[in-house]
Amino acid sequence: MKIIDLRSDTVTKPTEAMQQAMLNAEVGDDVYGEDPTVNRLQELAAEISGKDAGLFVPTGTQSNLLAILSHCQRGEEFIAGQQAHCYRYEGGGAAVFGGVQPQPIDFEGWQARPA
């Protein structure tokens, strides 16, 4: 069985079939809601998760930032492991864009490591 590694946007490379699907996907302007592929992906994500809506973002860094900012207000802090991607590798986005301070703690569980 081939392992799919989701710890980063670029660790697992797309298969030829995935590349063909991307090449042949119907596209449009997602800012104006005119990309049928993105629209369907967002609808499917909402349906699967039981939420009112879904939002596609192209990177894990963006999704981490959205998650933090949806849970914290300016001036608050979030707890993250010392090796957490949002703490070590994302350029302080939560602090810069949201005014949310990371509070790093020691963590002995699974640790993401650069490839």
PDB file of N, CA and C in Angstrom:
ATOM      1  N   MET A   1       0.839  -1.169   0.000  1.00  0.00           N
ATOM      2  CA  MET A   1       0.000   0.000   0.000  1.00  0.00           C
ATOM      3  C   MET A   1       0.888   1.237   0.000  1.00  0.00           C
ATOM      4  N   LYS A   2       0.579   2.196  -0.881  1.00  0.00           N
ATOM      5  CA  LYS A   2       1.324   3.444  -0.940  1.00  0.00           C
ATOM      6  C   LYS A   2       0.839   4.364   0.173  1.00  0.00           C
ATOM      7  N   ILE A   3       1.765   4.933   0.904  1.00  0.00           N
ATOM      8  CA  ILE A   3       1.434   5.835   2.004  1.00  0.00           C
ATOM      9  C   ILE A   3       1.226   7.240   1.455  1.00  0.00           C
ATOM     10  N   ILE A   4       0.167   7.894   1.913  1.00  0.00           N
ATOM     11  CA  ILE A   4      -0.085   9.288   1.578  1.00  0.00           C
ATOM     12  C   ILE A   4       0.296  10.108   2.798  1.00  0.00           C
ATOM     13  N   ASP A   5       1.291  10.942   2.659  1.00  0.00           N
ATOM     14  CA  ASP A   5       1.827  11.735   3.758  1.00  0.00           C
ATOM     15  C   ASP A   5       1.259  13.145   3.666  1.00  0.00           C
ATOM     16  N   LEU A   6       0.384  13.525   4.584  1.00  0.00           N
ATOM     17  CA  LEU A   6      -0.294  14.811   4.527  1.00  0.00           C
ATOM     18  C   LEU A   6       0.314  15.879   5.433  1.00  0.00           C
ATOM     19  N   ARG A   7       1.545  15.660   5.916  1.00  0.00           N
ATOM     20  CA  ARG A   7       2.091  16.652   6.836  1.00  0.00           C
ATOM     21  C   ARG A   7       2.557  17.916   6.129  1.00  0.00           C
ATOM     22  N   SER A   8       2.625  17.910   4.821  1.00  0.00           N
ATOM     23  CA  SER A   8       3.015  19.105   4.080  1.00  0.00           C
ATOM     24  C   SER A   8       2.365  19.080   2.705  1.00  0.00           C
ATOM     25  N   ASP A   9       2.293  20.235   2.085  1.00  0.00           N
ATOM     26  CA  ASP A   9       1.678  20.364   0.762  1.00  0.00           C
ATOM     27  C   ASP A   9       2.489  19.660  -0.317  1.00  0.00           C
ATOM     28  N   THR A  10       3.775  19.448  -0.078  1.00  0.00           N
ATOM     29  CA  THR A  10       4.654  18.985  -1.148  1.00  0.00           C
ATOM     30  C   THR A  10       5.335  17.651  -0.877  1.00  0.00           C
ATOM     31  N   VAL A  11       5.013  16.981   0.226  1.00  0.00           N
ATOM     32  CA  VAL A  11       5.676  15.714   0.541  1.00  0.00           C
ATOM     33  C   VAL A  11       5.211  14.592  -0.376  1.00  0.00           C
ATOM     34  N   THR A  12       3.896  14.409  -0.506  1.00  0.00           N
ATOM     35  CA  THR A  12       3.360  13.382  -1.389  1.00  0.00           C
ATOM     36  C   THR A  12       3.121  14.003  -2.756  1.00  0.00           C
ATOM     37  N   LYS A  13       3.749  13.445  -3.769  1.00  0.00           N
ATOM     38  CA  LYS A  13       3.615  13.961  -5.129  1.00  0.00           C
ATOM     39  C   LYS A  13       2.364  13.378  -5.782  1.00  0.00           C
ATOM     40  N   PRO A  14       1.704  14.150  -6.657  1.00  0.00           N
ATOM     41  CA  PRO A  14       0.514  13.632  -7.329  1.00  0.00           C
ATOM     42  C   PRO A  14       0.873  12.498  -8.305  1.00  0.00           C
ATOM     43  N   THR A  15      -0.045  11.551  -8.408  1.00  0.00           N
ATOM     44  CA  THR A  15       0.140  10.457  -9.371  1.00  0.00           C
ATOM     45  C   THR A  15      -0.167  11.000 -10.769  1.00  0.00           C
ATOM     46  N   GLU A  16       0.120  10.195 -11.768  1.00  0.00           N
ATOM     47  CA  GLU A  16      -0.188  10.609 -13.139  1.00  0.00           C
ATOM     48  C   GLU A  16      -1.688  10.840 -13.307  1.00  0.00           C
ATOM     49  N   ALA A  17      -2.507   9.973 -12.707  1.00  0.00           N
ATOM     50  CA  ALA A  17      -3.960  10.141 -12.799  1.00  0.00           C
ATOM     51  C   ALA A  17      -4.397  11.451 -12.140  1.00  0.00           C
ATOM     52  N   MET A  18      -3.781  11.794 -11.024  1.00  0.00           N
ATOM     53  CA  MET A  18      -4.110  13.051 -10.355  1.00  0.00           C
ATOM     54  C   MET A  18      -3.708  14.237 -11.233  1.00  0.00           C
ATOM     55  N   GLN A  19      -2.546  14.151 -11.855  1.00  0.00           N
ATOM     56  CA  GLN A  19      -2.091  15.224 -12.738  1.00  0.00           C
ATOM     57  C   GLN A  19      -3.040  15.382 -13.924  1.00  0.00           C
ATOM     58  N   GLN A  20      -3.497  14.262 -14.478  1.00  0.00           N
ATOM     59  CA  GLN A  20      -4.446  14.318 -15.591  1.00  0.00           C
ATOM     60  C   GLN A  20      -5.760  14.952 -15.151  1.00  0.00           C
ATOM     61  N   ALA A  21      -6.223  14.607 -13.947  1.00  0.00           N
ATOM     62  CA  ALA A  21      -7.458  15.196 -13.435  1.00  0.00           C
ATOM     63  C   ALA A  21      -7.300  16.706 -13.286  1.00  0.00           C
ATOM     64  N   MET A  22      -6.148  17.153 -12.802  1.00  0.00           N
ATOM     65  CA  MET A  22      -5.902  18.587 -12.664  1.00  0.00           C
ATOM     66  C   MET A  22      -5.830  19.258 -14.035  1.00  0.00           C
ATOM     67  N   LEU A  23      -5.166  18.599 -14.983  1.00  0.00           N
ATOM     68  CA  LEU A  23      -5.028  19.140 -16.328  1.00  0.00           C
ATOM     69  C   LEU A  23      -6.380  19.300 -17.012  1.00  0.00           C
ATOM     70  N   ASN A  24      -7.281  18.354 -16.768  1.00  0.00           N
ATOM     71  CA  ASN A  24      -8.576  18.343 -17.439  1.00  0.00           C
ATOM     72  C   ASN A  24      -9.705  19.000 -16.638  1.00  0.00           C
ATOM     73  N   ALA A  25      -9.402  19.488 -15.442  1.00  0.00           N
ATOM     74  CA  ALA A  25     -10.441  20.082 -14.594  1.00  0.00           C
ATOM     75  C   ALA A  25     -10.999  21.353 -15.230  1.00  0.00           C
ATOM     76  N   GLU A  26     -12.308  21.498 -15.131  1.00  0.00           N
ATOM     77  CA  GLU A  26     -12.949  22.736 -15.567  1.00  0.00           C
ATOM     78  C   GLU A  26     -12.602  23.809 -14.543  1.00  0.00           C
ATOM     79  N   VAL A  27     -12.166  24.957 -15.007  1.00  0.00           N
ATOM     80  CA  VAL A  27     -11.738  26.017 -14.094  1.00  0.00           C
ATOM     81  C   VAL A  27     -12.475  27.311 -14.382  1.00  0.00           C
ATOM     82  N   GLY A  28     -12.408  28.209 -13.435  1.00  0.00           N
ATOM     83  CA  GLY A  28     -12.992  29.538 -13.563  1.00  0.00           C
ATOM     84  C   GLY A  28     -12.416  30.400 -12.461  1.00  0.00           C
ATOM     85  N   ASP A  29     -12.908  31.602 -12.332  1.00  0.00           N
ATOM     86  CA  ASP A  29     -12.410  32.537 -11.330  1.00  0.00           C
ATOM     87  C   ASP A  29     -13.061  32.240  -9.988  1.00  0.00           C
ATOM     88  N   ASP A  30     -12.258  31.747  -9.036  1.00  0.00           N
ATOM     89  CA  ASP A  30     -12.828  31.376  -7.734  1.00  0.00           C
ATOM     90  C   ASP A  30     -13.204  32.601  -6.907  1.00  0.00           C
ATOM     91  N   VAL A  31     -12.577  33.744  -7.142  1.00  0.00           N
ATOM     92  CA  VAL A  31     -12.924  34.954  -6.408  1.00  0.00           C
ATOM     93  C   VAL A  31     -14.380  35.331  -6.675  1.00  0.00           C
ATOM     94  N   TYR A  32     -14.819  35.124  -7.901  1.00  0.00           N
ATOM     95  CA  TYR A  32     -16.200  35.426  -8.279  1.00  0.00           C
ATOM     96  C   TYR A  32     -17.109  34.214  -8.158  1.00  0.00           C
ATOM     97  N   GLY A  33     -16.585  33.115  -7.594  1.00  0.00           N
ATOM     98  CA  GLY A  33     -17.387  31.909  -7.424  1.00  0.00           C
ATOM     99  C   GLY A  33     -17.676  31.193  -8.726  1.00  0.00           C
ATOM    100  N   GLU A  34     -16.809  31.368  -9.718  1.00  0.00           N
ATOM    101  CA  GLU A  34     -17.038  30.815 -11.056  1.00  0.00           C
ATOM    102  C   GLU A  34     -16.189  29.583 -11.368  1.00  0.00           C
ATOM    103  N   ASP A  35     -15.514  29.024 -10.362  1.00  0.00           N
ATOM    104  CA  ASP A  35     -14.713  27.817 -10.593  1.00  0.00           C
ATOM    105  C   ASP A  35     -15.525  26.611 -10.141  1.00  0.00           C
ATOM    106  N   PRO A  36     -16.089  25.848 -11.092  1.00  0.00           N
ATOM    107  CA  PRO A  36     -16.960  24.740 -10.710  1.00  0.00           C
ATOM    108  C   PRO A  36     -16.242  23.647  -9.926  1.00  0.00           C
ATOM    109  N   THR A  37     -14.960  23.445 -10.178  1.00  0.00           N
ATOM    110  CA  THR A  37     -14.217  22.410  -9.465  1.00  0.00           C
ATOM    111  C   THR A  37     -14.022  22.810  -8.004  1.00  0.00           C
ATOM    112  N   VAL A  38     -13.618  24.036  -7.762  1.00  0.00           N
ATOM    113  CA  VAL A  38     -13.449  24.527  -6.388  1.00  0.00           C
ATOM    114  C   VAL A  38     -14.806  24.580  -5.685  1.00  0.00           C
ATOM    115  N   ASN A  39     -15.828  25.035  -6.388  1.00  0.00           N
ATOM    116  CA  ASN A  39     -17.165  25.094  -5.788  1.00  0.00           C
ATOM    117  C   ASN A  39     -17.623  23.708  -5.349  1.00  0.00           C
ATOM    118  N   ARG A  40     -17.422  22.716  -6.207  1.00  0.00           N
ATOM    119  CA  ARG A  40     -17.851  21.354  -5.863  1.00  0.00           C
ATOM    120  C   ARG A  40     -17.028  20.809  -4.697  1.00  0.00           C
ATOM    121  N   LEU A  41     -15.722  21.075  -4.689  1.00  0.00           N
ATOM    122  CA  LEU A  41     -14.862  20.627  -3.592  1.00  0.00           C
ATOM    123  C   LEU A  41     -15.333  21.224  -2.267  1.00  0.00           C
ATOM    124  N   GLN A  42     -15.644  22.520  -2.260  1.00  0.00           N
ATOM    125  CA  GLN A  42     -16.111  23.178  -1.040  1.00  0.00           C
ATOM    126  C   GLN A  42     -17.460  22.619  -0.600  1.00  0.00           C
ATOM    127  N   GLU A  43     -18.351  22.380  -1.542  1.00  0.00           N
ATOM    128  CA  GLU A  43     -19.655  21.797  -1.222  1.00  0.00           C
ATOM    129  C   GLU A  43     -19.500  20.394  -0.645  1.00  0.00           C
ATOM    130  N   LEU A  44     -18.625  19.606  -1.248  1.00  0.00           N
ATOM    131  CA  LEU A  44     -18.382  18.236  -0.785  1.00  0.00           C
ATOM    132  C   LEU A  44     -17.783  18.237   0.621  1.00  0.00           C
ATOM    133  N   ALA A  45     -16.827  19.132   0.866  1.00  0.00           N
ATOM    134  CA  ALA A  45     -16.217  19.226   2.196  1.00  0.00           C
ATOM    135  C   ALA A  45     -17.263  19.591   3.246  1.00  0.00           C
ATOM    136  N   ALA A  46     -18.147  20.523   2.919  1.00  0.00           N
ATOM    137  CA  ALA A  46     -19.207  20.911   3.853  1.00  0.00           C
ATOM    138  C   ALA A  46     -20.152  19.745   4.109  1.00  0.00           C
ATOM    139  N   GLU A  47     -20.502  19.038   3.042  1.00  0.00           N
ATOM    140  CA  GLU A  47     -21.404  17.891   3.169  1.00  0.00           C
ATOM    141  C   GLU A  47     -20.793  16.793   4.041  1.00  0.00           C
ATOM    142  N   ILE A  48     -19.550  16.460   3.778  1.00  0.00           N
ATOM    143  CA  ILE A  48     -18.869  15.393   4.528  1.00  0.00           C
ATOM    144  C   ILE A  48     -18.714  15.767   5.999  1.00  0.00           C
ATOM    145  N   SER A  49     -18.394  17.035   6.266  1.00  0.00           N
ATOM    146  CA  SER A  49     -18.141  17.463   7.645  1.00  0.00           C
ATOM    147  C   SER A  49     -19.402  17.918   8.377  1.00  0.00           C
ATOM    148  N   GLY A  50     -20.525  17.975   7.669  1.00  0.00           N
ATOM    149  CA  GLY A  50     -21.771  18.392   8.295  1.00  0.00           C
ATOM    150  C   GLY A  50     -21.824  19.880   8.611  1.00  0.00           C
ATOM    151  N   LYS A  51     -21.083  20.677   7.867  1.00  0.00           N
ATOM    152  CA  LYS A  51     -21.051  22.125   8.089  1.00  0.00           C
ATOM    153  C   LYS A  51     -21.866  22.842   7.015  1.00  0.00           C
ATOM    154  N   ASP A  52     -22.154  24.112   7.255  1.00  0.00           N
ATOM    155  CA  ASP A  52     -22.924  24.905   6.298  1.00  0.00           C
ATOM    156  C   ASP A  52     -22.137  25.201   5.030  1.00  0.00           C
ATOM    157  N   ALA A  53     -20.819  25.333   5.159  1.00  0.00           N
ATOM    158  CA  ALA A  53     -19.996  25.695   4.010  1.00  0.00           C
ATOM    159  C   ALA A  53     -18.583  25.167   4.208  1.00  0.00           C
ATOM    160  N   GLY A  54     -17.863  25.081   3.117  1.00  0.00           N
ATOM    161  CA  GLY A  54     -16.454  24.708   3.147  1.00  0.00           C
ATOM    162  C   GLY A  54     -15.659  25.793   2.451  1.00  0.00           C
ATOM    163  N   LEU A  55     -14.363  25.834   2.705  1.00  0.00           N
ATOM    164  CA  LEU A  55     -13.503  26.823   2.058  1.00  0.00           C
ATOM    165  C   LEU A  55     -12.213  26.147   1.640  1.00  0.00           C
ATOM    166  N   PHE A  56     -11.887  26.229   0.362  1.00  0.00           N
ATOM    167  CA  PHE A  56     -10.636  25.677  -0.143  1.00  0.00           C
ATOM    168  C   PHE A  56      -9.547  26.729  -0.024  1.00  0.00           C
ATOM    169  N   VAL A  57      -8.424  26.338   0.557  1.00  0.00           N
ATOM    170  CA  VAL A  57      -7.211  27.156   0.523  1.00  0.00           C
ATOM    171  C   VAL A  57      -6.093  26.253   0.019  1.00  0.00           C
ATOM    172  N   PRO A  58      -5.157  26.784  -0.749  1.00  0.00           N
ATOM    173  CA  PRO A  58      -4.180  25.935  -1.420  1.00  0.00           C
ATOM    174  C   PRO A  58      -3.028  25.416  -0.564  1.00  0.00           C
ATOM    175  N   THR A  59      -2.864  25.909   0.654  1.00  0.00           N
ATOM    176  CA  THR A  59      -1.730  25.434   1.446  1.00  0.00           C
ATOM    177  C   THR A  59      -2.132  25.124   2.882  1.00  0.00           C
ATOM    178  N   GLY A  60      -1.358  24.241   3.509  1.00  0.00           N
ATOM    179  CA  GLY A  60      -1.550  23.932   4.918  1.00  0.00           C
ATOM    180  C   GLY A  60      -1.279  25.138   5.791  1.00  0.00           C
ATOM    181  N   THR A  61      -0.324  25.976   5.393  1.00  0.00           N
ATOM    182  CA  THR A  61      -0.025  27.181   6.156  1.00  0.00           C
ATOM    183  C   THR A  61      -1.251  28.093   6.202  1.00  0.00           C
ATOM    184  N   GLN A  62      -1.915  28.268   5.068  1.00  0.00           N
ATOM    185  CA  GLN A  62      -3.120  29.093   5.047  1.00  0.00           C
ATOM    186  C   GLN A  62      -4.226  28.470   5.893  1.00  0.00           C
ATOM    187  N   SER A  63      -4.380  27.156   5.798  1.00  0.00           N
ATOM    188  CA  SER A  63      -5.448  26.519   6.579  1.00  0.00           C
ATOM    189  C   SER A  63      -5.147  26.597   8.076  1.00  0.00           C
ATOM    190  N   ASN A  64      -3.881  26.451   8.465  1.00  0.00           N
ATOM    191  CA  ASN A  64      -3.528  26.601   9.882  1.00  0.00           C
ATOM    192  C   ASN A  64      -3.835  28.013  10.368  1.00  0.00           C
ATOM    193  N   LEU A  65      -3.490  29.010   9.560  1.00  0.00           N
ATOM    194  CA  LEU A  65      -3.751  30.398   9.943  1.00  0.00           C
ATOM    195  C   LEU A  65      -5.255  30.647  10.091  1.00  0.00           C
ATOM    196  N   LEU A  66      -6.043  30.147   9.146  1.00  0.00           N
ATOM    197  CA  LEU A  66      -7.498  30.305   9.252  1.00  0.00           C
ATOM    198  C   LEU A  66      -8.053  29.626  10.487  1.00  0.00           C
ATOM    199  N   ALA A  67      -7.535  28.449  10.801  1.00  0.00           N
ATOM    200  CA  ALA A  67      -8.012  27.731  11.985  1.00  0.00           C
ATOM    201  C   ALA A  67      -7.704  28.516  13.257  1.00  0.00           C
ATOM    202  N   ILE A  68      -6.480  29.008  13.368  1.00  0.00           N
ATOM    203  CA  ILE A  68      -6.091  29.774  14.554  1.00  0.00           C
ATOM    204  C   ILE A  68      -6.945  31.040  14.673  1.00  0.00           C
ATOM    205  N   LEU A  69      -7.092  31.759  13.558  1.00  0.00           N
ATOM    206  CA  LEU A  69      -7.829  33.019  13.603  1.00  0.00           C
ATOM    207  C   LEU A  69      -9.328  32.819  13.801  1.00  0.00           C
ATOM    208  N   SER A  70      -9.836  31.635  13.490  1.00  0.00           N
ATOM    209  CA  SER A  70     -11.262  31.388  13.737  1.00  0.00           C
ATOM    210  C   SER A  70     -11.533  31.037  15.197  1.00  0.00           C
ATOM    211  N   HIS A  71     -10.483  30.696  15.935  1.00  0.00           N
ATOM    212  CA  HIS A  71     -10.648  30.339  17.342  1.00  0.00           C
ATOM    213  C   HIS A  71     -10.152  31.408  18.303  1.00  0.00           C
ATOM    214  N   CYS A  72      -9.321  32.322  17.843  1.00  0.00           N
ATOM    215  CA  CYS A  72      -8.693  33.307  18.729  1.00  0.00           C
ATOM    216  C   CYS A  72      -9.003  34.726  18.277  1.00  0.00           C
ATOM    217  N   GLN A  73      -9.068  35.611  19.243  1.00  0.00           N
ATOM    218  CA  GLN A  73      -9.236  37.033  18.966  1.00  0.00           C
ATOM    219  C   GLN A  73      -7.889  37.737  19.117  1.00  0.00           C
ATOM    220  N   ARG A  74      -7.768  38.902  18.513  1.00  0.00           N
ATOM    221  CA  ARG A  74      -6.546  39.704  18.637  1.00  0.00           C
ATOM    222  C   ARG A  74      -6.204  39.876  20.117  1.00  0.00           C
ATOM    223  N   GLY A  75      -4.919  39.674  20.452  1.00  0.00           N
ATOM    224  CA  GLY A  75      -4.468  39.816  21.831  1.00  0.00           C
ATOM    225  C   GLY A  75      -4.495  38.519  22.628  1.00  0.00           C
ATOM    226  N   GLU A  76      -5.085  37.458  22.076  1.00  0.00           N
ATOM    227  CA  GLU A  76      -5.105  36.168  22.760  1.00  0.00           C
ATOM    228  C   GLU A  76      -3.890  35.351  22.357  1.00  0.00           C
ATOM    229  N   GLU A  77      -3.783  34.159  22.910  1.00  0.00           N
ATOM    230  CA  GLU A  77      -2.687  33.274  22.550  1.00  0.00           C
ATOM    231  C   GLU A  77      -3.230  31.883  22.251  1.00  0.00           C
ATOM    232  N   PHE A  78      -2.418  31.104  21.535  1.00  0.00           N
ATOM    233  CA  PHE A  78      -2.757  29.714  21.302  1.00  0.00           C
ATOM    234  C   PHE A  78      -1.579  28.855  21.747  1.00  0.00           C
ATOM    235  N   ILE A  79      -1.888  27.651  22.194  1.00  0.00           N
ATOM    236  CA  ILE A  79      -0.869  26.725  22.665  1.00  0.00           C
ATOM    237  C   ILE A  79      -0.437  25.848  21.500  1.00  0.00           C
ATOM    238  N   ALA A  80       0.865  25.703  21.337  1.00  0.00           N
ATOM    239  CA  ALA A  80       1.406  24.869  20.259  1.00  0.00           C
ATOM    240  C   ALA A  80       2.636  24.143  20.770  1.00  0.00           C
ATOM    241  N   GLY A  81       2.841  22.938  20.294  1.00  0.00           N
ATOM    242  CA  GLY A  81       4.064  22.213  20.626  1.00  0.00           C
ATOM    243  C   GLY A  81       5.285  22.926  20.060  1.00  0.00           C
ATOM    244  N   GLN A  82       6.425  22.739  20.698  1.00  0.00           N
ATOM    245  CA  GLN A  82       7.673  23.369  20.253  1.00  0.00           C
ATOM    246  C   GLN A  82       8.002  23.066  18.792  1.00  0.00           C
ATOM    247  N   GLN A  83       7.613  21.877  18.328  1.00  0.00           N
ATOM    248  CA  GLN A  83       7.912  21.472  16.958  1.00  0.00           C
ATOM    249  C   GLN A  83       6.717  21.634  16.011  1.00  0.00           C
ATOM    250  N   ALA A  84       5.618  22.212  16.483  1.00  0.00           N
ATOM    251  CA  ALA A  84       4.427  22.361  15.647  1.00  0.00           C
ATOM    252  C   ALA A  84       4.730  23.229  14.434  1.00  0.00           C
ATOM    253  N   HIS A  85       4.209  22.816  13.302  1.00  0.00           N
ATOM    254  CA  HIS A  85       4.451  23.553  12.062  1.00  0.00           C
ATOM    255  C   HIS A  85       4.029  25.011  12.193  1.00  0.00           C
ATOM    256  N   CYS A  86       2.863  25.256  12.810  1.00  0.00           N
ATOM    257  CA  CYS A  86       2.372  26.635  12.933  1.00  0.00           C
ATOM    258  C   CYS A  86       3.269  27.480  13.825  1.00  0.00           C
ATOM    259  N   TYR A  87       4.084  26.842  14.655  1.00  0.00           N
ATOM    260  CA  TYR A  87       5.004  27.589  15.515  1.00  0.00           C
ATOM    261  C   TYR A  87       6.379  27.750  14.866  1.00  0.00           C
ATOM    262  N   ARG A  88       6.914  26.660  14.300  1.00  0.00           N
ATOM    263  CA  ARG A  88       8.294  26.685  13.799  1.00  0.00           C
ATOM    264  C   ARG A  88       8.466  27.166  12.371  1.00  0.00           C
ATOM    265  N   TYR A  89       7.496  26.893  11.510  1.00  0.00           N
ATOM    266  CA  TYR A  89       7.756  27.062  10.073  1.00  0.00           C
ATOM    267  C   TYR A  89       6.843  28.052   9.352  1.00  0.00           C
ATOM    268  N   GLU A  90       5.929  28.699  10.047  1.00  0.00           N
ATOM    269  CA  GLU A  90       4.957  29.524   9.338  1.00  0.00           C
ATOM    270  C   GLU A  90       5.169  31.023   9.498  1.00  0.00           C
ATOM    271  N   GLY A  91       6.358  31.419   9.863  1.00  0.00           N
ATOM    272  CA  GLY A  91       6.744  32.825   9.850  1.00  0.00           C
ATOM    273  C   GLY A  91       5.960  33.737  10.777  1.00  0.00           C
ATOM    274  N   GLY A  92       5.384  33.184  11.834  1.00  0.00           N
ATOM    275  CA  GLY A  92       4.656  34.019  12.781  1.00  0.00           C
ATOM    276  C   GLY A  92       3.383  34.614  12.210  1.00  0.00           C
ATOM    277  N   GLY A  93       2.782  33.926  11.234  1.00  0.00           N
ATOM    278  CA  GLY A  93       1.583  34.459  10.577  1.00  0.00           C
ATOM    279  C   GLY A  93       0.456  34.805  11.522  1.00  0.00           C
ATOM    280  N   ALA A  94       0.227  33.964  12.527  1.00  0.00           N
ATOM    281  CA  ALA A  94      -0.867  34.238  13.471  1.00  0.00           C
ATOM    282  C   ALA A  94      -0.620  35.549  14.216  1.00  0.00           C
ATOM    283  N   ALA A  95       0.640  35.780  14.607  1.00  0.00           N
ATOM    284  CA  ALA A  95       0.975  37.014  15.316  1.00  0.00           C
ATOM    285  C   ALA A  95       0.946  38.216  14.376  1.00  0.00           C
ATOM    286  N   VAL A  96       1.495  38.041  13.179  1.00  0.00           N
ATOM    287  CA  VAL A  96       1.577  39.152  12.229  1.00  0.00           C
ATOM    288  C   VAL A  96       0.195  39.551  11.718  1.00  0.00           C
ATOM    289  N   PHE A  97      -0.584  38.574  11.260  1.00  0.00           N
ATOM    290  CA  PHE A  97      -1.869  38.885  10.627  1.00  0.00           C
ATOM    291  C   PHE A  97      -3.032  38.980  11.611  1.00  0.00           C
ATOM    292  N   GLY A  98      -2.940  38.240  12.719  1.00  0.00           N
ATOM    293  CA  GLY A  98      -4.076  38.204  13.623  1.00  0.00           C
ATOM    294  C   GLY A  98      -3.829  38.757  15.007  1.00  0.00           C
ATOM    295  N   GLY A  99      -2.573  39.111  15.319  1.00  0.00           N
ATOM    296  CA  GLY A  99      -2.289  39.590  16.662  1.00  0.00           C
ATOM    297  C   GLY A  99      -2.466  38.509  17.711  1.00  0.00           C
ATOM    298  N   VAL A 100      -2.278  37.253  17.301  1.00  0.00           N
ATOM    299  CA  VAL A 100      -2.447  36.111  18.201  1.00  0.00           C
ATOM    300  C   VAL A 100      -1.062  35.525  18.485  1.00  0.00           C
ATOM    301  N   GLN A 101      -0.709  35.471  19.742  1.00  0.00           N
ATOM    302  CA  GLN A 101       0.626  35.040  20.163  1.00  0.00           C
ATOM    303  C   GLN A 101       0.688  33.532  20.402  1.00  0.00           C
ATOM    304  N   PRO A 102       1.662  32.824  19.803  1.00  0.00           N
ATOM    305  CA  PRO A 102       1.818  31.409  20.141  1.00  0.00           C
ATOM    306  C   PRO A 102       2.448  31.245  21.520  1.00  0.00           C
ATOM    307  N   GLN A 103       1.991  30.259  22.264  1.00  0.00           N
ATOM    308  CA  GLN A 103       2.604  29.886  23.538  1.00  0.00           C
ATOM    309  C   GLN A 103       3.133  28.472  23.358  1.00  0.00           C
ATOM    310  N   PRO A 104       4.429  28.332  23.039  1.00  0.00           N
ATOM    311  CA  PRO A 104       4.981  26.999  22.792  1.00  0.00           C
ATOM    312  C   PRO A 104       5.159  26.213  24.091  1.00  0.00           C
ATOM    313  N   ILE A 105       4.887  24.913  24.007  1.00  0.00           N
ATOM    314  CA  ILE A 105       5.086  24.018  25.150  1.00  0.00           C
ATOM    315  C   ILE A 105       5.844  22.779  24.680  1.00  0.00           C
ATOM    316  N   ASP A 106       6.493  22.113  25.632  1.00  0.00           N
ATOM    317  CA  ASP A 106       7.129  20.843  25.317  1.00  0.00           C
ATOM    318  C   ASP A 106       6.046  19.835  24.979  1.00  0.00           C
ATOM    319  N   PHE A 107       6.321  18.994  23.985  1.00  0.00           N
ATOM    320  CA  PHE A 107       5.333  18.015  23.550  1.00  0.00           C
ATOM    321  C   PHE A 107       6.079  16.763  23.142  1.00  0.00           C
ATOM    322  N   GLU A 108       5.707  15.645  23.709  1.00  0.00           N
ATOM    323  CA  GLU A 108       6.425  14.399  23.447  1.00  0.00           C
ATOM    324  C   GLU A 108       5.762  13.497  22.420  1.00  0.00           C
ATOM    325  N   GLY A 109       4.652  13.933  21.862  1.00  0.00           N
ATOM    326  CA  GLY A 109       3.937  13.123  20.878  1.00  0.00           C
ATOM    327  C   GLY A 109       4.590  13.196  19.517  1.00  0.00           C
ATOM    328  N   TRP A 110       3.796  12.911  18.490  1.00  0.00           N
ATOM    329  CA  TRP A 110       4.290  12.915  17.119  1.00  0.00           C
ATOM    330  C   TRP A 110       4.823  14.292  16.770  1.00  0.00           C
ATOM    331  N   GLN A 111       5.962  14.337  16.166  1.00  0.00           N
ATOM    332  CA  GLN A 111       6.604  15.594  15.804  1.00  0.00           C
ATOM    333  C   GLN A 111       6.812  15.624  14.288  1.00  0.00           C
ATOM    334  N   ALA A 112       6.334  16.670  13.635  1.00  0.00           N
ATOM    335  CA  ALA A 112       6.597  16.831  12.215  1.00  0.00           C
ATOM    336  C   ALA A 112       8.053  17.233  12.042  1.00  0.00           C
ATOM    337  N   ARG A 113       8.710  16.613  11.106  1.00  0.00           N
ATOM    338  CA  ARG A 113      10.106  16.952  10.808  1.00  0.00           C
ATOM    339  C   ARG A 113      10.238  17.261   9.328  1.00  0.00           C
ATOM    340  N   PRO A 114      11.048  18.245   8.992  1.00  0.00           N
ATOM    341  CA  PRO A 114      11.233  18.558   7.570  1.00  0.00           C
ATOM    342  C   PRO A 114      11.797  17.336   6.833  1.00  0.00           C
ATOM    343  N   ALA A 115      11.379  17.185   5.595  1.00  0.00           N
ATOM    344  CA  ALA A 115      11.850  16.041   4.783  1.00  0.00           C
ATOM    345  C   ALA A 115      13.299  16.232   4.396  1.00  0.00           C
TER     346      ALA A 115
END
